Amino acid sequence: MSRKAHWENVFKTKSLNEVSWYEVVPETSLSFFKASNISKSAKIIDIGGGDSFLVDHLLKLGFKDITVLDISEAALDRAKKRLKDQSKKVKWIVADVADFSPPENYDFWHDRAAFHFLTDEQSISNYVETVQKHLNKDGHLVIGAFSENGPKKCSGLEIKQYSETTMTNQFKVYFNKIRCLNIDHITPFDTNQNFVFCWFKKVI
């Protein structure tokens, strides 16, 4: 099964609260947006956003230029249905981030739990290069991935674990680290997943 087929199947067969990444209020992600003090007109992209509630909260906060990307069309369709007329204020892109060609540049690139699914060096390199090319100077990059104390698989797929050091090393050529933190996410099944979130600012 291809990566796309895998994720289409997940979102067609599991309900919103039957997936481990479900969270009604993505407090950690929102904290970075609030701390960055970016303009409400800043261009934001949420990588692997799927049917996450982050977009709902960003709209409530008054952000006006939001793009949500996911490999699964079914996931984005679920988010659109939930948002109803509000969905027209969002740009939706069905694409695999491993070979994504952004149609524009962004001021804030957010990724909670998509990057760690890239396990081969070519895909990781492509991702880093895409961010470097399509994030504006002084733009913000926030990535959350499973830590070295987190799961080794998610949704039946292998993932790549990160520490503050290994995450920083992936992006250090073009970005300055602002801060990293480890967060415990409690899944709907009462299991614990440890994430490392790193916040970077583009300098080149």
N, C-alpha and C. Protein backbone atom coordinates (compact mmCIF):
# COMPACT_ATOMS: atom_id res chain seq x y z
N MET A 1 0.84 -1.19 0.00
CA MET A 1 0.00 0.00 0.00
C MET A 1 0.88 1.25 0.00
N SER A 2 0.58 2.20 -0.88
CA SER A 2 1.35 3.43 -0.93
C SER A 2 1.09 4.26 0.32
N ARG A 3 1.96 5.24 0.56
CA ARG A 3 1.79 6.11 1.73
C ARG A 3 0.45 6.85 1.65
N LYS A 4 0.11 7.33 0.46
CA LYS A 4 -1.16 8.05 0.31
C LYS A 4 -2.34 7.11 0.57
N ALA A 5 -2.31 5.91 -0.01
CA ALA A 5 -3.40 4.95 0.19
C ALA A 5 -3.56 4.59 1.66
N HIS A 6 -2.42 4.47 2.35
CA HIS A 6 -2.45 4.16 3.79
C HIS A 6 -3.24 5.22 4.54
N TRP A 7 -2.92 6.49 4.29
CA TRP A 7 -3.56 7.57 5.05
C TRP A 7 -5.01 7.80 4.63
N GLU A 8 -5.31 7.59 3.35
CA GLU A 8 -6.72 7.69 2.93
C GLU A 8 -7.54 6.64 3.68
N ASN A 9 -6.98 5.45 3.82
CA ASN A 9 -7.68 4.38 4.52
C ASN A 9 -7.89 4.71 5.99
N VAL A 10 -6.87 5.29 6.62
CA VAL A 10 -6.98 5.67 8.03
C VAL A 10 -8.14 6.64 8.23
N PHE A 11 -8.19 7.68 7.40
CA PHE A 11 -9.21 8.70 7.61
C PHE A 11 -10.60 8.30 7.13
N LYS A 12 -10.67 7.27 6.32
CA LYS A 12 -11.97 6.77 5.88
C LYS A 12 -12.54 5.73 6.84
N THR A 13 -11.69 5.16 7.68
CA THR A 13 -12.14 4.06 8.55
C THR A 13 -12.12 4.39 10.04
N LYS A 14 -11.46 5.50 10.42
CA LYS A 14 -11.40 5.85 11.84
C LYS A 14 -12.05 7.21 12.07
N SER A 15 -12.76 7.31 13.17
CA SER A 15 -13.40 8.58 13.50
C SER A 15 -12.40 9.52 14.15
N LEU A 16 -12.83 10.74 14.35
CA LEU A 16 -11.96 11.81 14.83
C LEU A 16 -11.18 11.44 16.09
N ASN A 17 -11.88 10.84 17.06
CA ASN A 17 -11.22 10.54 18.34
C ASN A 17 -10.71 9.11 18.43
N GLU A 18 -10.58 8.45 17.28
CA GLU A 18 -10.01 7.10 17.25
C GLU A 18 -8.58 7.09 16.73
N VAL A 19 -7.98 8.27 16.64
CA VAL A 19 -6.59 8.36 16.20
C VAL A 19 -5.76 8.98 17.33
N SER A 20 -4.52 8.57 17.43
CA SER A 20 -3.71 8.93 18.60
C SER A 20 -3.41 10.42 18.70
N TRP A 21 -3.42 11.12 17.56
CA TRP A 21 -3.01 12.53 17.56
C TRP A 21 -4.15 13.49 17.88
N TYR A 22 -5.32 12.95 18.14
CA TYR A 22 -6.50 13.79 18.42
C TYR A 22 -6.27 14.67 19.65
N GLU A 23 -6.58 15.95 19.50
CA GLU A 23 -6.59 16.88 20.64
C GLU A 23 -7.52 18.04 20.29
N VAL A 24 -8.44 18.32 21.18
CA VAL A 24 -9.45 19.35 20.91
C VAL A 24 -8.82 20.73 20.87
N VAL A 25 -7.90 20.98 21.80
CA VAL A 25 -7.19 22.26 21.82
C VAL A 25 -5.69 21.98 21.71
N PRO A 26 -5.08 22.28 20.56
CA PRO A 26 -3.64 22.03 20.39
C PRO A 26 -2.81 23.11 21.09
N GLU A 27 -2.78 23.02 22.42
CA GLU A 27 -2.22 24.09 23.24
C GLU A 27 -0.74 24.36 22.94
N THR A 28 0.04 23.30 22.75
CA THR A 28 1.47 23.50 22.49
C THR A 28 1.67 24.26 21.19
N SER A 29 1.02 23.83 20.13
CA SER A 29 1.17 24.51 18.84
C SER A 29 0.70 25.96 18.94
N LEU A 30 -0.42 26.18 19.56
CA LEU A 30 -0.95 27.55 19.68
C LEU A 30 -0.01 28.45 20.47
N SER A 31 0.68 27.88 21.45
CA SER A 31 1.60 28.69 22.26
C SER A 31 2.71 29.30 21.42
N PHE A 32 3.15 28.59 20.38
CA PHE A 32 4.20 29.13 19.51
C PHE A 32 3.67 30.27 18.65
N PHE A 33 2.47 30.14 18.17
CA PHE A 33 1.88 31.22 17.37
C PHE A 33 1.74 32.48 18.22
N LYS A 34 1.27 32.30 19.45
CA LYS A 34 1.07 33.45 20.32
C LYS A 34 2.40 34.09 20.70
N ALA A 35 3.41 33.26 20.97
CA ALA A 35 4.72 33.79 21.38
C ALA A 35 5.44 34.49 20.22
N SER A 36 5.13 34.11 18.99
CA SER A 36 5.84 34.68 17.84
C SER A 36 5.39 36.11 17.53
N ASN A 37 4.21 36.47 17.98
CA ASN A 37 3.66 37.81 17.70
C ASN A 37 3.58 38.12 16.21
N ILE A 38 3.33 37.10 15.39
CA ILE A 38 3.24 37.36 13.96
C ILE A 38 1.95 38.10 13.65
N SER A 39 1.97 38.81 12.52
CA SER A 39 0.82 39.58 12.06
C SER A 39 -0.35 38.65 11.74
N LYS A 40 -1.56 39.16 11.92
CA LYS A 40 -2.75 38.37 11.57
C LYS A 40 -2.84 38.14 10.06
N SER A 41 -2.07 38.90 9.29
CA SER A 41 -2.07 38.70 7.84
C SER A 41 -0.90 37.83 7.38
N ALA A 42 -0.11 37.31 8.31
CA ALA A 42 1.03 36.46 7.97
C ALA A 42 0.55 35.20 7.25
N LYS A 43 1.38 34.73 6.33
CA LYS A 43 1.06 33.51 5.59
C LYS A 43 1.49 32.29 6.41
N ILE A 44 0.52 31.47 6.76
CA ILE A 44 0.74 30.30 7.62
C ILE A 44 0.46 29.03 6.83
N ILE A 45 1.31 28.02 7.00
CA ILE A 45 1.01 26.70 6.46
C ILE A 45 1.13 25.66 7.56
N ASP A 46 0.13 24.78 7.63
CA ASP A 46 0.13 23.68 8.59
C ASP A 46 0.35 22.39 7.81
N ILE A 47 1.54 21.81 8.00
CA ILE A 47 1.93 20.60 7.26
C ILE A 47 1.37 19.35 7.95
N GLY A 48 0.69 18.52 7.18
CA GLY A 48 0.08 17.33 7.77
C GLY A 48 -1.08 17.67 8.69
N GLY A 49 -1.73 18.79 8.39
CA GLY A 49 -2.79 19.29 9.27
C GLY A 49 -4.00 18.39 9.34
N GLY A 50 -4.28 17.66 8.25
CA GLY A 50 -5.39 16.72 8.26
C GLY A 50 -6.68 17.34 8.76
N ASP A 51 -7.32 16.66 9.71
CA ASP A 51 -8.55 17.21 10.30
C ASP A 51 -8.28 17.75 11.71
N SER A 52 -7.04 18.19 11.93
CA SER A 52 -6.66 18.81 13.21
C SER A 52 -7.50 20.05 13.49
N PHE A 53 -7.64 20.36 14.78
CA PHE A 53 -8.39 21.54 15.20
C PHE A 53 -7.55 22.81 15.21
N LEU A 54 -6.28 22.72 14.81
CA LEU A 54 -5.43 23.92 14.84
C LEU A 54 -6.01 25.02 13.96
N VAL A 55 -6.47 24.66 12.77
CA VAL A 55 -7.00 25.67 11.85
C VAL A 55 -8.20 26.39 12.45
N ASP A 56 -9.06 25.66 13.18
CA ASP A 56 -10.23 26.28 13.83
C ASP A 56 -9.78 27.39 14.77
N HIS A 57 -8.75 27.07 15.57
CA HIS A 57 -8.28 28.04 16.57
C HIS A 57 -7.56 29.21 15.93
N LEU A 58 -6.82 28.95 14.85
CA LEU A 58 -6.14 30.06 14.15
C LEU A 58 -7.16 31.01 13.55
N LEU A 59 -8.24 30.48 13.01
CA LEU A 59 -9.30 31.34 12.47
C LEU A 59 -9.93 32.17 13.59
N LYS A 60 -10.16 31.55 14.74
CA LYS A 60 -10.75 32.27 15.88
C LYS A 60 -9.82 33.38 16.37
N LEU A 61 -8.51 33.15 16.24
CA LEU A 61 -7.53 34.17 16.66
C LEU A 61 -7.42 35.31 15.65
N GLY A 62 -8.04 35.14 14.48
CA GLY A 62 -8.07 36.22 13.51
C GLY A 62 -7.05 36.13 12.39
N PHE A 63 -6.36 35.00 12.28
CA PHE A 63 -5.40 34.85 11.18
C PHE A 63 -6.16 34.69 9.86
N LYS A 64 -5.66 35.38 8.83
CA LYS A 64 -6.42 35.53 7.60
C LYS A 64 -5.85 34.76 6.41
N ASP A 65 -4.64 34.23 6.52
CA ASP A 65 -4.01 33.57 5.36
C ASP A 65 -3.45 32.22 5.81
N ILE A 66 -4.31 31.22 5.84
CA ILE A 66 -3.95 29.90 6.37
C ILE A 66 -4.06 28.85 5.26
N THR A 67 -3.01 28.04 5.14
CA THR A 67 -3.01 26.90 4.24
C THR A 67 -2.87 25.63 5.08
N VAL A 68 -3.67 24.61 4.76
CA VAL A 68 -3.54 23.31 5.41
C VAL A 68 -3.20 22.28 4.34
N LEU A 69 -2.09 21.57 4.56
CA LEU A 69 -1.65 20.53 3.63
C LEU A 69 -1.75 19.17 4.29
N ASP A 70 -2.23 18.20 3.51
CA ASP A 70 -2.21 16.82 3.99
C ASP A 70 -2.17 15.87 2.80
N ILE A 71 -1.58 14.71 3.01
CA ILE A 71 -1.51 13.70 1.96
C ILE A 71 -2.89 13.08 1.71
N SER A 72 -3.77 13.16 2.71
CA SER A 72 -5.08 12.54 2.63
C SER A 72 -6.18 13.54 2.29
N GLU A 73 -6.82 13.33 1.16
CA GLU A 73 -7.95 14.17 0.77
C GLU A 73 -9.12 13.95 1.73
N ALA A 74 -9.28 12.71 2.19
CA ALA A 74 -10.37 12.40 3.12
C ALA A 74 -10.22 13.19 4.42
N ALA A 75 -8.99 13.34 4.90
CA ALA A 75 -8.75 14.10 6.13
C ALA A 75 -9.15 15.56 5.95
N LEU A 76 -8.75 16.15 4.84
CA LEU A 76 -9.07 17.56 4.59
C LEU A 76 -10.57 17.74 4.39
N ASP A 77 -11.21 16.77 3.76
CA ASP A 77 -12.66 16.86 3.58
C ASP A 77 -13.38 16.87 4.92
N ARG A 78 -12.88 16.10 5.87
CA ARG A 78 -13.49 16.08 7.21
C ARG A 78 -13.35 17.45 7.88
N ALA A 79 -12.18 18.07 7.73
CA ALA A 79 -11.97 19.39 8.31
C ALA A 79 -12.88 20.43 7.65
N LYS A 80 -13.02 20.35 6.34
CA LYS A 80 -13.88 21.29 5.62
C LYS A 80 -15.34 21.17 6.08
N LYS A 81 -15.80 19.95 6.25
CA LYS A 81 -17.18 19.73 6.69
C LYS A 81 -17.39 20.30 8.09
N ARG A 82 -16.40 20.12 8.95
CA ARG A 82 -16.51 20.63 10.31
C ARG A 82 -16.56 22.16 10.33
N LEU A 83 -15.75 22.78 9.49
CA LEU A 83 -15.66 24.24 9.47
C LEU A 83 -16.80 24.91 8.71
N LYS A 84 -17.49 24.14 7.88
CA LYS A 84 -18.61 24.66 7.10
C LYS A 84 -18.17 25.89 6.28
N ASP A 85 -18.89 27.01 6.40
CA ASP A 85 -18.56 28.19 5.59
C ASP A 85 -17.18 28.75 5.89
N GLN A 86 -16.71 28.52 7.12
CA GLN A 86 -15.38 29.01 7.50
C GLN A 86 -14.28 28.38 6.63
N SER A 87 -14.55 27.20 6.09
CA SER A 87 -13.54 26.50 5.30
C SER A 87 -13.14 27.28 4.05
N LYS A 88 -14.03 28.17 3.59
CA LYS A 88 -13.74 28.97 2.40
C LYS A 88 -12.63 30.00 2.65
N LYS A 89 -12.33 30.23 3.93
CA LYS A 89 -11.27 31.18 4.29
C LYS A 89 -9.89 30.53 4.30
N VAL A 90 -9.86 29.20 4.06
CA VAL A 90 -8.62 28.42 4.17
C VAL A 90 -8.23 27.88 2.80
N LYS A 91 -6.92 27.80 2.54
CA LYS A 91 -6.42 27.15 1.33
C LYS A 91 -6.10 25.70 1.68
N TRP A 92 -6.62 24.76 0.91
CA TRP A 92 -6.44 23.34 1.19
C TRP A 92 -5.59 22.71 0.09
N ILE A 93 -4.55 21.99 0.47
CA ILE A 93 -3.66 21.35 -0.50
C ILE A 93 -3.53 19.86 -0.17
N VAL A 94 -3.85 19.02 -1.16
CA VAL A 94 -3.61 17.58 -1.03
C VAL A 94 -2.26 17.28 -1.67
N ALA A 95 -1.28 16.90 -0.85
CA ALA A 95 0.07 16.64 -1.36
C ALA A 95 0.87 15.88 -0.32
N ASP A 96 1.88 15.16 -0.80
CA ASP A 96 2.85 14.50 0.07
C ASP A 96 3.99 15.49 0.31
N VAL A 97 4.21 15.84 1.55
CA VAL A 97 5.22 16.86 1.84
C VAL A 97 6.62 16.43 1.39
N ALA A 98 6.83 15.13 1.20
CA ALA A 98 8.15 14.64 0.78
C ALA A 98 8.52 15.15 -0.61
N ASP A 99 7.51 15.47 -1.43
CA ASP A 99 7.83 16.02 -2.75
C ASP A 99 6.91 17.21 -3.08
N PHE A 100 6.62 17.98 -2.07
CA PHE A 100 5.74 19.14 -2.17
C PHE A 100 6.46 20.33 -2.81
N SER A 101 5.79 20.97 -3.77
CA SER A 101 6.30 22.21 -4.38
C SER A 101 5.35 23.34 -4.01
N PRO A 102 5.67 24.11 -2.98
CA PRO A 102 4.76 25.16 -2.51
C PRO A 102 4.45 26.18 -3.60
N PRO A 103 3.19 26.63 -3.68
CA PRO A 103 2.80 27.63 -4.66
C PRO A 103 3.17 29.06 -4.24
N GLU A 104 3.61 29.22 -3.00
CA GLU A 104 3.96 30.55 -2.49
C GLU A 104 4.93 30.39 -1.31
N ASN A 105 5.40 31.51 -0.80
CA ASN A 105 6.27 31.50 0.37
C ASN A 105 5.46 31.81 1.62
N TYR A 106 6.00 31.39 2.76
CA TYR A 106 5.24 31.50 4.01
C TYR A 106 6.05 32.25 5.08
N ASP A 107 5.30 32.71 6.09
CA ASP A 107 5.92 33.38 7.24
C ASP A 107 5.97 32.46 8.46
N PHE A 108 5.12 31.45 8.47
CA PHE A 108 5.07 30.51 9.60
C PHE A 108 4.78 29.12 9.04
N TRP A 109 5.73 28.21 9.27
CA TRP A 109 5.60 26.81 8.82
C TRP A 109 5.44 25.95 10.05
N HIS A 110 4.28 25.32 10.20
CA HIS A 110 3.99 24.50 11.37
C HIS A 110 3.83 23.05 10.96
N ASP A 111 4.40 22.15 11.73
CA ASP A 111 4.33 20.72 11.43
C ASP A 111 4.30 19.95 12.74
N ARG A 112 3.14 19.42 13.07
CA ARG A 112 3.04 18.54 14.24
C ARG A 112 2.84 17.11 13.74
N ALA A 113 3.91 16.33 13.82
CA ALA A 113 3.85 14.88 13.56
C ALA A 113 3.73 14.48 12.10
N ALA A 114 4.22 15.32 11.18
CA ALA A 114 4.35 14.87 9.78
C ALA A 114 5.82 14.56 9.46
N PHE A 115 6.70 15.44 9.91
CA PHE A 115 8.13 15.32 9.61
C PHE A 115 8.70 13.97 10.05
N HIS A 116 8.24 13.45 11.19
CA HIS A 116 8.85 12.21 11.68
C HIS A 116 8.48 10.98 10.84
N PHE A 117 7.51 11.11 9.93
CA PHE A 117 7.20 9.99 9.03
C PHE A 117 8.19 9.90 7.87
N LEU A 118 9.03 10.91 7.69
CA LEU A 118 10.05 10.87 6.65
C LEU A 118 11.27 10.17 7.23
N THR A 119 11.55 8.97 6.76
CA THR A 119 12.59 8.16 7.38
C THR A 119 13.82 7.96 6.51
N ASP A 120 13.73 8.27 5.21
CA ASP A 120 14.92 8.13 4.35
C ASP A 120 15.57 9.49 4.15
N GLU A 121 16.88 9.48 3.97
CA GLU A 121 17.65 10.73 3.91
C GLU A 121 17.21 11.65 2.77
N GLN A 122 16.81 11.06 1.63
CA GLN A 122 16.40 11.89 0.50
C GLN A 122 15.13 12.69 0.81
N SER A 123 14.16 12.03 1.41
CA SER A 123 12.91 12.71 1.77
C SER A 123 13.16 13.80 2.81
N ILE A 124 14.01 13.50 3.78
CA ILE A 124 14.33 14.49 4.82
C ILE A 124 15.05 15.68 4.20
N SER A 125 16.01 15.40 3.33
CA SER A 125 16.75 16.46 2.65
C SER A 125 15.82 17.33 1.80
N ASN A 126 14.90 16.69 1.09
CA ASN A 126 13.93 17.43 0.27
C ASN A 126 13.08 18.35 1.13
N TYR A 127 12.67 17.84 2.29
CA TYR A 127 11.83 18.62 3.20
C TYR A 127 12.59 19.87 3.68
N VAL A 128 13.81 19.67 4.14
CA VAL A 128 14.61 20.78 4.66
C VAL A 128 14.83 21.82 3.57
N GLU A 129 15.11 21.37 2.37
CA GLU A 129 15.34 22.30 1.25
C GLU A 129 14.07 23.07 0.90
N THR A 130 12.94 22.39 0.94
CA THR A 130 11.66 23.05 0.64
C THR A 130 11.36 24.14 1.66
N VAL A 131 11.57 23.83 2.94
CA VAL A 131 11.35 24.84 3.98
C VAL A 131 12.29 26.02 3.77
N GLN A 132 13.53 25.73 3.49
CA GLN A 132 14.52 26.79 3.31
C GLN A 132 14.14 27.72 2.15
N LYS A 133 13.64 27.14 1.09
CA LYS A 133 13.32 27.93 -0.11
C LYS A 133 12.01 28.70 0.02
N HIS A 134 11.09 28.18 0.80
CA HIS A 134 9.73 28.74 0.80
C HIS A 134 9.29 29.34 2.12
N LEU A 135 10.23 29.53 3.03
CA LEU A 135 9.93 30.29 4.24
C LEU A 135 10.64 31.63 4.12
N ASN A 136 9.91 32.70 4.31
CA ASN A 136 10.49 34.03 4.17
C ASN A 136 11.55 34.28 5.25
N LYS A 137 12.48 35.19 4.94
CA LYS A 137 13.50 35.54 5.93
C LYS A 137 12.82 36.05 7.20
N ASP A 138 13.35 35.64 8.34
CA ASP A 138 12.78 35.91 9.66
C ASP A 138 11.48 35.14 9.90
N GLY A 139 11.16 34.20 8.99
CA GLY A 139 9.98 33.37 9.17
C GLY A 139 10.18 32.35 10.28
N HIS A 140 9.08 31.83 10.77
CA HIS A 140 9.10 30.90 11.89
C HIS A 140 8.85 29.47 11.41
N LEU A 141 9.59 28.55 11.99
CA LEU A 141 9.43 27.12 11.71
C LEU A 141 9.23 26.40 13.04
N VAL A 142 8.11 25.71 13.17
CA VAL A 142 7.83 24.93 14.38
C VAL A 142 7.57 23.49 13.96
N ILE A 143 8.36 22.57 14.49
CA ILE A 143 8.20 21.16 14.17
C ILE A 143 8.07 20.35 15.46
N GLY A 144 7.04 19.52 15.51
CA GLY A 144 6.86 18.59 16.62
C GLY A 144 7.00 17.17 16.10
N ALA A 145 7.88 16.40 16.69
CA ALA A 145 8.12 15.02 16.26
C ALA A 145 8.28 14.14 17.50
N PHE A 146 8.11 12.84 17.32
CA PHE A 146 8.32 11.94 18.44
C PHE A 146 9.75 12.04 18.93
N SER A 147 9.92 12.13 20.23
CA SER A 147 11.24 12.21 20.84
C SER A 147 11.86 10.82 20.94
N GLU A 148 13.07 10.78 21.45
CA GLU A 148 13.74 9.49 21.65
C GLU A 148 13.08 8.68 22.76
N ASN A 149 12.19 9.32 23.51
CA ASN A 149 11.40 8.61 24.53
C ASN A 149 9.97 8.34 24.05
N GLY A 150 9.72 8.67 22.78
CA GLY A 150 8.38 8.50 22.23
C GLY A 150 8.24 7.18 21.48
N PRO A 151 7.11 6.99 20.82
CA PRO A 151 6.88 5.76 20.05
C PRO A 151 7.85 5.62 18.89
N LYS A 152 8.03 4.39 18.45
CA LYS A 152 8.87 4.12 17.28
C LYS A 152 8.02 3.89 16.03
N LYS A 153 6.71 3.78 16.25
CA LYS A 153 5.77 3.62 15.14
C LYS A 153 4.55 4.47 15.42
N CYS A 154 3.83 4.81 14.35
CA CYS A 154 2.55 5.49 14.50
C CYS A 154 1.65 5.04 13.36
N SER A 155 0.43 4.67 13.70
CA SER A 155 -0.53 4.21 12.71
C SER A 155 0.03 3.09 11.84
N GLY A 156 0.87 2.25 12.46
CA GLY A 156 1.44 1.11 11.75
C GLY A 156 2.65 1.41 10.90
N LEU A 157 3.09 2.67 10.89
CA LEU A 157 4.24 3.07 10.07
C LEU A 157 5.45 3.38 10.94
N GLU A 158 6.63 3.06 10.43
CA GLU A 158 7.88 3.43 11.11
C GLU A 158 8.02 4.95 11.10
N ILE A 159 8.60 5.48 12.16
CA ILE A 159 8.88 6.92 12.21
C ILE A 159 10.36 7.12 12.57
N LYS A 160 10.81 8.35 12.50
CA LYS A 160 12.18 8.71 12.90
C LYS A 160 12.09 9.56 14.16
N GLN A 161 12.70 9.10 15.22
CA GLN A 161 12.69 9.85 16.48
C GLN A 161 13.73 10.97 16.45
N TYR A 162 13.46 12.02 17.23
CA TYR A 162 14.38 13.16 17.29
C TYR A 162 14.64 13.58 18.73
N SER A 163 15.79 14.18 18.92
CA SER A 163 16.12 14.87 20.17
C SER A 163 16.27 16.35 19.81
N GLU A 164 16.43 17.18 20.81
CA GLU A 164 16.68 18.60 20.54
C GLU A 164 17.91 18.76 19.65
N THR A 165 18.94 17.97 19.92
CA THR A 165 20.19 18.08 19.16
C THR A 165 20.02 17.64 17.71
N THR A 166 19.39 16.47 17.51
CA THR A 166 19.27 15.97 16.13
C THR A 166 18.30 16.82 15.31
N MET A 167 17.27 17.34 15.95
CA MET A 167 16.35 18.23 15.23
C MET A 167 17.06 19.52 14.84
N THR A 168 17.78 20.09 15.77
CA THR A 168 18.51 21.34 15.50
C THR A 168 19.53 21.13 14.39
N ASN A 169 20.22 20.00 14.40
CA ASN A 169 21.23 19.74 13.37
C ASN A 169 20.63 19.66 11.98
N GLN A 170 19.39 19.22 11.87
CA GLN A 170 18.75 19.13 10.55
C GLN A 170 18.55 20.51 9.92
N PHE A 171 18.36 21.53 10.75
CA PHE A 171 17.97 22.84 10.22
C PHE A 171 18.98 23.96 10.50
N LYS A 172 20.11 23.62 11.12
CA LYS A 172 21.01 24.66 11.63
C LYS A 172 21.65 25.51 10.54
N VAL A 173 21.71 25.01 9.31
CA VAL A 173 22.37 25.79 8.24
C VAL A 173 21.60 27.07 7.95
N TYR A 174 20.27 27.00 7.98
CA TYR A 174 19.45 28.14 7.58
C TYR A 174 18.67 28.77 8.72
N PHE A 175 18.67 28.12 9.87
CA PHE A 175 17.78 28.56 10.94
C PHE A 175 18.50 28.67 12.29
N ASN A 176 18.07 29.64 13.08
CA ASN A 176 18.50 29.73 14.46
C ASN A 176 17.43 29.11 15.35
N LYS A 177 17.85 28.30 16.28
CA LYS A 177 16.90 27.72 17.23
C LYS A 177 16.50 28.77 18.26
N ILE A 178 15.21 28.92 18.46
CA ILE A 178 14.72 29.79 19.53
C ILE A 178 14.58 28.97 20.81
N ARG A 179 13.87 27.86 20.71
CA ARG A 179 13.81 26.95 21.86
C ARG A 179 13.20 25.62 21.45
N CYS A 180 13.51 24.59 22.23
CA CYS A 180 12.90 23.28 22.07
C CYS A 180 12.32 22.86 23.42
N LEU A 181 11.28 22.07 23.37
CA LEU A 181 10.74 21.54 24.61
C LEU A 181 10.15 20.16 24.37
N ASN A 182 10.15 19.35 25.42
CA ASN A 182 9.55 18.03 25.36
C ASN A 182 8.16 18.08 25.98
N ILE A 183 7.21 17.48 25.28
CA ILE A 183 5.81 17.53 25.68
C ILE A 183 5.24 16.11 25.70
N ASP A 184 4.48 15.80 26.72
CA ASP A 184 3.76 14.54 26.77
C ASP A 184 2.36 14.75 26.21
N HIS A 185 2.02 14.00 25.18
CA HIS A 185 0.67 14.03 24.62
C HIS A 185 -0.06 12.78 25.10
N ILE A 186 -1.20 12.99 25.73
CA ILE A 186 -2.02 11.86 26.19
C ILE A 186 -3.04 11.57 25.10
N THR A 187 -3.00 10.37 24.56
CA THR A 187 -3.88 9.99 23.46
C THR A 187 -5.29 9.71 23.97
N PRO A 188 -6.27 9.57 23.07
CA PRO A 188 -7.63 9.22 23.49
C PRO A 188 -7.70 7.85 24.17
N PHE A 189 -6.62 7.06 24.02
CA PHE A 189 -6.60 5.72 24.63
C PHE A 189 -5.84 5.72 25.95
N ASP A 190 -5.55 6.95 26.48
CA ASP A 190 -4.83 7.11 27.75
C ASP A 190 -3.41 6.56 27.71
N THR A 191 -2.79 6.59 26.55
CA THR A 191 -1.37 6.28 26.45
C THR A 191 -0.60 7.58 26.30
N ASN A 192 0.68 7.52 26.60
CA ASN A 192 1.50 8.72 26.57
C ASN A 192 2.46 8.70 25.39
N GLN A 193 2.52 9.82 24.67
CA GLN A 193 3.47 9.96 23.58
C GLN A 193 4.34 11.19 23.87
N ASN A 194 5.65 10.99 23.93
CA ASN A 194 6.55 12.11 24.18
C ASN A 194 7.03 12.72 22.87
N PHE A 195 6.81 14.02 22.74
CA PHE A 195 7.21 14.78 21.55
C PHE A 195 8.36 15.74 21.90
N VAL A 196 9.17 16.05 20.92
CA VAL A 196 10.06 17.20 21.01
C VAL A 196 9.56 18.23 20.00
N PHE A 197 9.28 19.43 20.49
CA PHE A 197 8.89 20.55 19.64
C PHE A 197 10.05 21.52 19.58
N CYS A 198 10.43 21.91 18.36
CA CYS A 198 11.49 22.91 18.20
C CYS A 198 10.98 24.09 17.38
N TRP A 199 11.35 25.27 17.85
CA TRP A 199 10.94 26.53 17.22
C TRP A 199 12.21 27.20 16.69
N PHE A 200 12.21 27.45 15.38
CA PHE A 200 13.35 28.06 14.72
C PHE A 200 12.94 29.35 14.01
N LYS A 201 13.93 30.20 13.77
CA LYS A 201 13.71 31.40 12.97
C LYS A 201 14.70 31.38 11.82
N LYS A 202 14.21 31.68 10.62
CA LYS A 202 15.05 31.63 9.44
C LYS A 202 15.99 32.83 9.41
N VAL A 203 17.25 32.57 9.15
CA VAL A 203 18.25 33.64 9.16
C VAL A 203 18.89 33.88 7.81
N ILE A 204 18.75 32.94 6.87
CA ILE A 204 19.36 33.09 5.54
C ILE A 204 18.26 33.11 4.49
